[in-house]
Amino acid sequence: MLAEETTTPDGQRTFELVRCPACTQVHFVNRTTGKLLGDK
C-alpha cells in the first residue's frame, strides 16, 4: 500500500518507499506521477 505523498515546506516533492511484489525489492515512487526516483 502506498502512503500519501508529502511536500516539504520549501515545496519539494518527496517519494514514498514501496516494497515491490514483482521483484521483492524496495523502490521510491512518486505517487502523483507514478515515476520511480531517478526516472526522467
PDB file of N, CA and C in Angstrom:
ATOM      1  N   MET A   1       0.837  -1.177   0.000  1.00  0.00           N
ATOM      2  CA  MET A   1       0.000   0.000   0.000  1.00  0.00           C
ATOM      3  C   MET A   1       0.883   1.242   0.000  1.00  0.00           C
ATOM      4  N   LEU A   2       0.535   2.216  -0.814  1.00  0.00           N
ATOM      5  CA  LEU A   2       1.291   3.452  -0.885  1.00  0.00           C
ATOM      6  C   LEU A   2       0.768   4.443   0.136  1.00  0.00           C
ATOM      7  N   ALA A   3       1.692   5.113   0.768  1.00  0.00           N
ATOM      8  CA  ALA A   3       1.290   6.182   1.680  1.00  0.00           C
ATOM      9  C   ALA A   3       1.093   7.456   0.860  1.00  0.00           C
ATOM     10  N   GLU A   4       0.473   8.434   1.438  1.00  0.00           N
ATOM     11  CA  GLU A   4       0.253   9.696   0.747  1.00  0.00           C
ATOM     12  C   GLU A   4       1.571  10.405   0.483  1.00  0.00           C
ATOM     13  N   GLU A   5       1.661  11.054  -0.685  1.00  0.00           N
ATOM     14  CA  GLU A   5       2.846  11.844  -0.994  1.00  0.00           C
ATOM     15  C   GLU A   5       2.839  13.088  -0.117  1.00  0.00           C
ATOM     16  N   THR A   6       3.995  13.502   0.314  1.00  0.00           N
ATOM     17  CA  THR A   6       4.096  14.701   1.130  1.00  0.00           C
ATOM     18  C   THR A   6       4.951  15.735   0.416  1.00  0.00           C
ATOM     19  N   THR A   7       4.780  16.967   0.795  1.00  0.00           N
ATOM     20  CA  THR A   7       5.567  18.067   0.255  1.00  0.00           C
ATOM     21  C   THR A   7       6.274  18.746   1.409  1.00  0.00           C
ATOM     22  N   THR A   8       7.549  19.042   1.232  1.00  0.00           N
ATOM     23  CA  THR A   8       8.312  19.707   2.271  1.00  0.00           C
ATOM     24  C   THR A   8       7.935  21.188   2.303  1.00  0.00           C
ATOM     25  N   PRO A   9       8.270  21.898   3.379  1.00  0.00           N
ATOM     26  CA  PRO A   9       7.927  23.324   3.473  1.00  0.00           C
ATOM     27  C   PRO A   9       8.476  24.166   2.319  1.00  0.00           C
ATOM     28  N   ASP A  10       9.579  23.750   1.703  1.00  0.00           N
ATOM     29  CA  ASP A  10      10.133  24.526   0.586  1.00  0.00           C
ATOM     30  C   ASP A  10       9.541  24.105  -0.761  1.00  0.00           C
ATOM     31  N   GLY A  11       8.495  23.230  -0.754  1.00  0.00           N
ATOM     32  CA  GLY A  11       7.776  22.874  -1.970  1.00  0.00           C
ATOM     33  C   GLY A  11       8.308  21.675  -2.730  1.00  0.00           C
ATOM     34  N   GLN A  12       9.371  21.046  -2.237  1.00  0.00           N
ATOM     35  CA  GLN A  12       9.909  19.889  -2.933  1.00  0.00           C
ATOM     36  C   GLN A  12       9.038  18.666  -2.683  1.00  0.00           C
ATOM     37  N   ARG A  13       8.905  17.831  -3.692  1.00  0.00           N
ATOM     38  CA  ARG A  13       8.147  16.585  -3.575  1.00  0.00           C
ATOM     39  C   ARG A  13       8.992  15.537  -2.872  1.00  0.00           C
ATOM     40  N   THR A  14       8.332  14.642  -2.195  1.00  0.00           N
ATOM     41  CA  THR A  14       9.022  13.522  -1.577  1.00  0.00           C
ATOM     42  C   THR A  14       8.514  12.230  -2.195  1.00  0.00           C
ATOM     43  N   PHE A  15       9.286  11.202  -2.060  1.00  0.00           N
ATOM     44  CA  PHE A  15       8.956   9.907  -2.625  1.00  0.00           C
ATOM     45  C   PHE A  15       8.648   8.925  -1.506  1.00  0.00           C
ATOM     46  N   GLU A  16       7.753   7.997  -1.798  1.00  0.00           N
ATOM     47  CA  GLU A  16       7.341   7.003  -0.822  1.00  0.00           C
ATOM     48  C   GLU A  16       8.076   5.694  -1.065  1.00  0.00           C
ATOM     49  N   LEU A  17       8.439   5.040   0.010  1.00  0.00           N
ATOM     50  CA  LEU A  17       9.098   3.748  -0.034  1.00  0.00           C
ATOM     51  C   LEU A  17       8.042   2.679  -0.274  1.00  0.00           C
ATOM     52  N   VAL A  18       8.226   1.866  -1.322  1.00  0.00           N
ATOM     53  CA  VAL A  18       7.253   0.841  -1.682  1.00  0.00           C
ATOM     54  C   VAL A  18       7.978  -0.485  -1.888  1.00  0.00           C
ATOM     55  N   ARG A  19       7.487  -1.540  -1.249  1.00  0.00           N
ATOM     56  CA  ARG A  19       8.036  -2.885  -1.480  1.00  0.00           C
ATOM     57  C   ARG A  19       7.321  -3.458  -2.696  1.00  0.00           C
ATOM     58  N   CYS A  20       8.097  -3.809  -3.718  1.00  0.00           N
ATOM     59  CA  CYS A  20       7.567  -4.280  -4.987  1.00  0.00           C
ATOM     60  C   CYS A  20       7.208  -5.765  -4.901  1.00  0.00           C
ATOM     61  N   PRO A  21       5.948  -6.102  -5.186  1.00  0.00           N
ATOM     62  CA  PRO A  21       5.560  -7.509  -5.145  1.00  0.00           C
ATOM     63  C   PRO A  21       6.150  -8.323  -6.309  1.00  0.00           C
ATOM     64  N   ALA A  22       6.544  -7.660  -7.387  1.00  0.00           N
ATOM     65  CA  ALA A  22       7.098  -8.366  -8.546  1.00  0.00           C
ATOM     66  C   ALA A  22       8.537  -8.809  -8.316  1.00  0.00           C
ATOM     67  N   CYS A  23       9.362  -7.926  -7.737  1.00  0.00           N
ATOM     68  CA  CYS A  23      10.786  -8.253  -7.566  1.00  0.00           C
ATOM     69  C   CYS A  23      11.199  -8.359  -6.107  1.00  0.00           C
ATOM     70  N   THR A  24      10.311  -8.070  -5.191  1.00  0.00           N
ATOM     71  CA  THR A  24      10.511  -8.110  -3.734  1.00  0.00           C
ATOM     72  C   THR A  24      11.564  -7.118  -3.237  1.00  0.00           C
ATOM     73  N   GLN A  25      11.948  -6.171  -4.064  1.00  0.00           N
ATOM     74  CA  GLN A  25      12.883  -5.135  -3.623  1.00  0.00           C
ATOM     75  C   GLN A  25      12.114  -3.874  -3.256  1.00  0.00           C
ATOM     76  N   VAL A  26      12.828  -2.872  -2.779  1.00  0.00           N
ATOM     77  CA  VAL A  26      12.221  -1.619  -2.361  1.00  0.00           C
ATOM     78  C   VAL A  26      12.495  -0.554  -3.416  1.00  0.00           C
ATOM     79  N   HIS A  27      11.465   0.222  -3.747  1.00  0.00           N
ATOM     80  CA  HIS A  27      11.582   1.308  -4.722  1.00  0.00           C
ATOM     81  C   HIS A  27      11.023   2.581  -4.100  1.00  0.00           C
ATOM     82  N   PHE A  28      11.500   3.731  -4.569  1.00  0.00           N
ATOM     83  CA  PHE A  28      10.942   5.020  -4.176  1.00  0.00           C
ATOM     84  C   PHE A  28      10.065   5.501  -5.326  1.00  0.00           C
ATOM     85  N   VAL A  29       8.783   5.722  -5.035  1.00  0.00           N
ATOM     86  CA  VAL A  29       7.817   6.075  -6.065  1.00  0.00           C
ATOM     87  C   VAL A  29       7.151   7.403  -5.738  1.00  0.00           C
ATOM     88  N   ASN A  30       7.058   8.267  -6.746  1.00  0.00           N
ATOM     89  CA  ASN A  30       6.288   9.499  -6.629  1.00  0.00           C
ATOM     90  C   ASN A  30       4.846   9.125  -6.924  1.00  0.00           C
ATOM     91  N   ARG A  31       3.988   9.187  -5.945  1.00  0.00           N
ATOM     92  CA  ARG A  31       2.610   8.729  -6.113  1.00  0.00           C
ATOM     93  C   ARG A  31       1.840   9.598  -7.096  1.00  0.00           C
ATOM     94  N   THR A  32       2.158  10.860  -7.192  1.00  0.00           N
ATOM     95  CA  THR A  32       1.454  11.746  -8.107  1.00  0.00           C
ATOM     96  C   THR A  32       1.738  11.386  -9.556  1.00  0.00           C
ATOM     97  N   THR A  33       3.006  11.140  -9.881  1.00  0.00           N
ATOM     98  CA  THR A  33       3.376  10.862 -11.265  1.00  0.00           C
ATOM     99  C   THR A  33       3.516   9.372 -11.547  1.00  0.00           C
ATOM    100  N   GLY A  34       3.727   8.571 -10.506  1.00  0.00           N
ATOM    101  CA  GLY A  34       3.943   7.141 -10.691  1.00  0.00           C
ATOM    102  C   GLY A  34       5.351   6.795 -11.120  1.00  0.00           C
ATOM    103  N   LYS A  35       6.205   7.801 -11.196  1.00  0.00           N
ATOM    104  CA  LYS A  35       7.594   7.571 -11.627  1.00  0.00           C
ATOM    105  C   LYS A  35       8.471   7.164 -10.461  1.00  0.00           C
ATOM    106  N   LEU A  36       9.461   6.330 -10.767  1.00  0.00           N
ATOM    107  CA  LEU A  36      10.449   5.935  -9.773  1.00  0.00           C
ATOM    108  C   LEU A  36      11.476   7.036  -9.590  1.00  0.00           C
ATOM    109  N   LEU A  37      12.063   7.080  -8.423  1.00  0.00           N
ATOM    110  CA  LEU A  37      13.134   8.023  -8.155  1.00  0.00           C
ATOM    111  C   LEU A  37      14.255   7.764  -9.144  1.00  0.00           C
ATOM    112  N   GLY A  38      14.692   8.773  -9.868  1.00  0.00           N
ATOM    113  CA  GLY A  38      15.747   8.633 -10.845  1.00  0.00           C
ATOM    114  C   GLY A  38      15.237   8.552 -12.273  1.00  0.00           C
ATOM    115  N   ASP A  39      13.916   8.288 -12.457  1.00  0.00           N
ATOM    116  CA  ASP A  39      13.332   8.298 -13.805  1.00  0.00           C
ATOM    117  C   ASP A  39      13.281   9.725 -14.312  1.00  0.00           C
ATOM    118  N   LYS A  40      13.446   9.872 -15.609  1.00  0.00           N
ATOM    119  CA  LYS A  40      13.375  11.213 -16.214  1.00  0.00           C
ATOM    120  C   LYS A  40      12.037  11.459 -16.822  1.00  0.00           C
TER     121      LYS A  40
END
